[in-house]
Amino acid sequence: MTEETVSKIQALNDQLRQTGAGGKIVCTQVVSELSTRDADNLFSLIRSFDNFTEDNDPHGEHDFGSVEYNGQKYFWKIDYYNHDMTGGSEDPSDPKQTTRVLTIMTAQEY
């Protein structure tokens, strides 16, 4: 994958994670049962996450992260699907053929 392609994917992933635009956001049942205050605080941590390293982001796509809130570890992960959601995207750098899905879960649910 070229550096330009990776940069496009990274920007699209950051946009979804930081603004909610450009894809879908889903949460596991445990996350969806958080109080409004706790959910807002957790989502704020995810939006502001910028600790990407070789260990958690080996491809440079900003598609995975981990945050801690209230003594609990949470993961978030972005996956790339075709628009029918029947398979993977042929080109995750092209939003015209990709539906991004950001999933938020506890570490135990991963």
Protein backbone atom coordinates (compact mmCIF):
# COMPACT_ATOMS: atom_id res chain seq x y z
CA MET A 1 0.00 0.00 0.00
CA THR A 2 1.38 3.43 -0.87
CA GLU A 3 2.03 6.12 1.72
CA GLU A 4 -0.64 8.27 0.02
CA THR A 5 -3.23 5.49 0.36
CA VAL A 6 -2.36 4.95 4.02
CA SER A 7 -2.64 8.71 4.65
CA LYS A 8 -6.13 8.76 3.08
CA ILE A 9 -7.26 5.81 5.21
CA GLN A 10 -5.79 7.42 8.32
CA ALA A 11 -7.60 10.72 7.66
CA LEU A 12 -10.93 8.96 7.04
CA ASN A 13 -10.52 6.89 10.20
CA ASP A 14 -9.61 9.96 12.26
CA GLN A 15 -12.64 11.79 10.88
CA LEU A 16 -14.99 9.00 11.93
CA ARG A 17 -13.42 8.61 15.37
CA GLN A 18 -13.22 12.34 16.10
CA THR A 19 -16.50 13.58 14.60
CA GLY A 20 -18.71 10.55 13.92
CA ALA A 21 -18.87 11.54 10.24
CA GLY A 22 -18.11 9.13 7.43
CA GLY A 23 -19.33 5.87 8.86
CA LYS A 24 -21.24 4.09 11.58
CA ILE A 25 -20.50 3.82 15.28
CA VAL A 26 -21.63 0.78 17.23
CA CYS A 27 -21.16 -0.24 20.83
CA THR A 28 -21.37 -3.54 22.59
CA GLN A 29 -24.18 -4.07 25.06
CA VAL A 30 -21.91 -3.38 28.05
CA VAL A 31 -20.88 -0.03 26.58
CA SER A 32 -24.43 0.87 25.59
CA GLU A 33 -25.54 0.32 29.20
CA LEU A 34 -23.17 3.00 30.54
CA SER A 35 -24.78 6.08 32.04
CA THR A 36 -24.99 9.09 29.74
CA ARG A 37 -22.25 10.81 31.74
CA ASP A 38 -19.92 7.80 31.58
CA ALA A 39 -20.60 7.25 27.88
CA ASP A 40 -19.90 10.92 27.12
CA ASN A 41 -16.61 10.75 29.06
CA LEU A 42 -15.59 7.51 27.35
CA PHE A 43 -16.41 8.83 23.88
CA SER A 44 -14.46 12.00 24.63
CA LEU A 45 -11.39 9.90 25.45
CA ILE A 46 -11.79 7.98 22.20
CA ARG A 47 -12.24 11.16 20.14
CA SER A 48 -9.06 12.68 21.59
CA PHE A 49 -6.95 9.48 21.42
CA ASP A 50 -3.61 10.16 19.73
CA ASN A 51 -1.25 7.59 21.24
CA PHE A 52 -0.67 5.65 18.03
CA THR A 53 2.45 3.50 18.16
CA GLU A 54 4.03 0.74 16.13
CA ASP A 55 2.52 -1.75 18.57
CA ASN A 56 -1.11 -0.61 18.31
CA ASP A 57 -1.01 0.86 14.78
CA PRO A 58 1.51 -1.17 12.74
CA HIS A 59 -0.04 -0.18 9.39
CA GLY A 60 -0.44 3.53 10.24
CA GLU A 61 -4.19 3.53 9.57
CA HIS A 62 -5.36 4.76 13.02
CA ASP A 63 -7.88 1.91 13.08
CA PHE A 64 -7.46 0.67 16.66
CA GLY A 65 -6.93 2.10 20.11
CA SER A 66 -7.26 1.45 23.80
CA VAL A 67 -8.32 3.83 26.58
CA GLU A 68 -8.95 3.43 30.28
CA TYR A 69 -11.96 4.91 32.02
CA ASN A 70 -13.16 4.29 35.58
CA GLY A 71 -10.65 1.47 36.03
CA GLN A 72 -11.92 -0.36 32.93
CA LYS A 73 -10.01 -0.83 29.68
CA TYR A 74 -11.95 -0.13 26.47
CA PHE A 75 -10.97 -0.90 22.89
CA TRP A 76 -12.18 0.77 19.73
CA LYS A 77 -11.69 -0.69 16.28
CA ILE A 78 -12.53 0.53 12.78
CA ASP A 79 -13.39 -2.03 10.10
CA TYR A 80 -13.95 -1.47 6.37
CA TYR A 81 -16.97 -2.97 4.60
CA ASN A 82 -18.52 -2.66 1.17
CA HIS A 83 -21.68 -0.53 1.09
CA ASP A 84 -23.94 -3.60 1.22
CA MET A 85 -22.15 -4.69 4.42
CA THR A 86 -21.79 -8.16 2.91
CA GLY A 87 -18.00 -8.20 2.75
CA GLY A 88 -14.85 -6.19 3.07
CA SER A 89 -14.17 -3.03 1.10
CA GLU A 90 -12.11 -3.41 -2.05
CA ASP A 91 -10.42 -0.05 -1.33
CA PRO A 92 -10.66 1.39 2.21
CA SER A 93 -9.12 4.65 0.97
CA ASP A 94 -12.19 5.30 -1.22
CA PRO A 95 -15.25 6.42 0.76
CA LYS A 96 -17.43 5.87 -2.32
CA GLN A 97 -16.96 2.11 -1.95
CA THR A 98 -16.37 1.81 1.80
CA THR A 99 -18.58 1.85 4.88
CA ARG A 100 -16.47 2.39 7.98
CA VAL A 101 -17.69 0.88 11.24
CA LEU A 102 -16.22 2.02 14.54
CA THR A 103 -16.91 -0.52 17.29
CA ILE A 104 -16.44 0.36 20.96
CA MET A 105 -16.13 -2.48 23.49
CA THR A 106 -14.59 -3.44 26.80
CA ALA A 107 -11.28 -5.26 26.61
CA GLN A 108 -12.98 -8.39 28.00
CA GLU A 109 -15.38 -8.42 25.06
CA TYR A 110 -12.62 -8.37 22.44
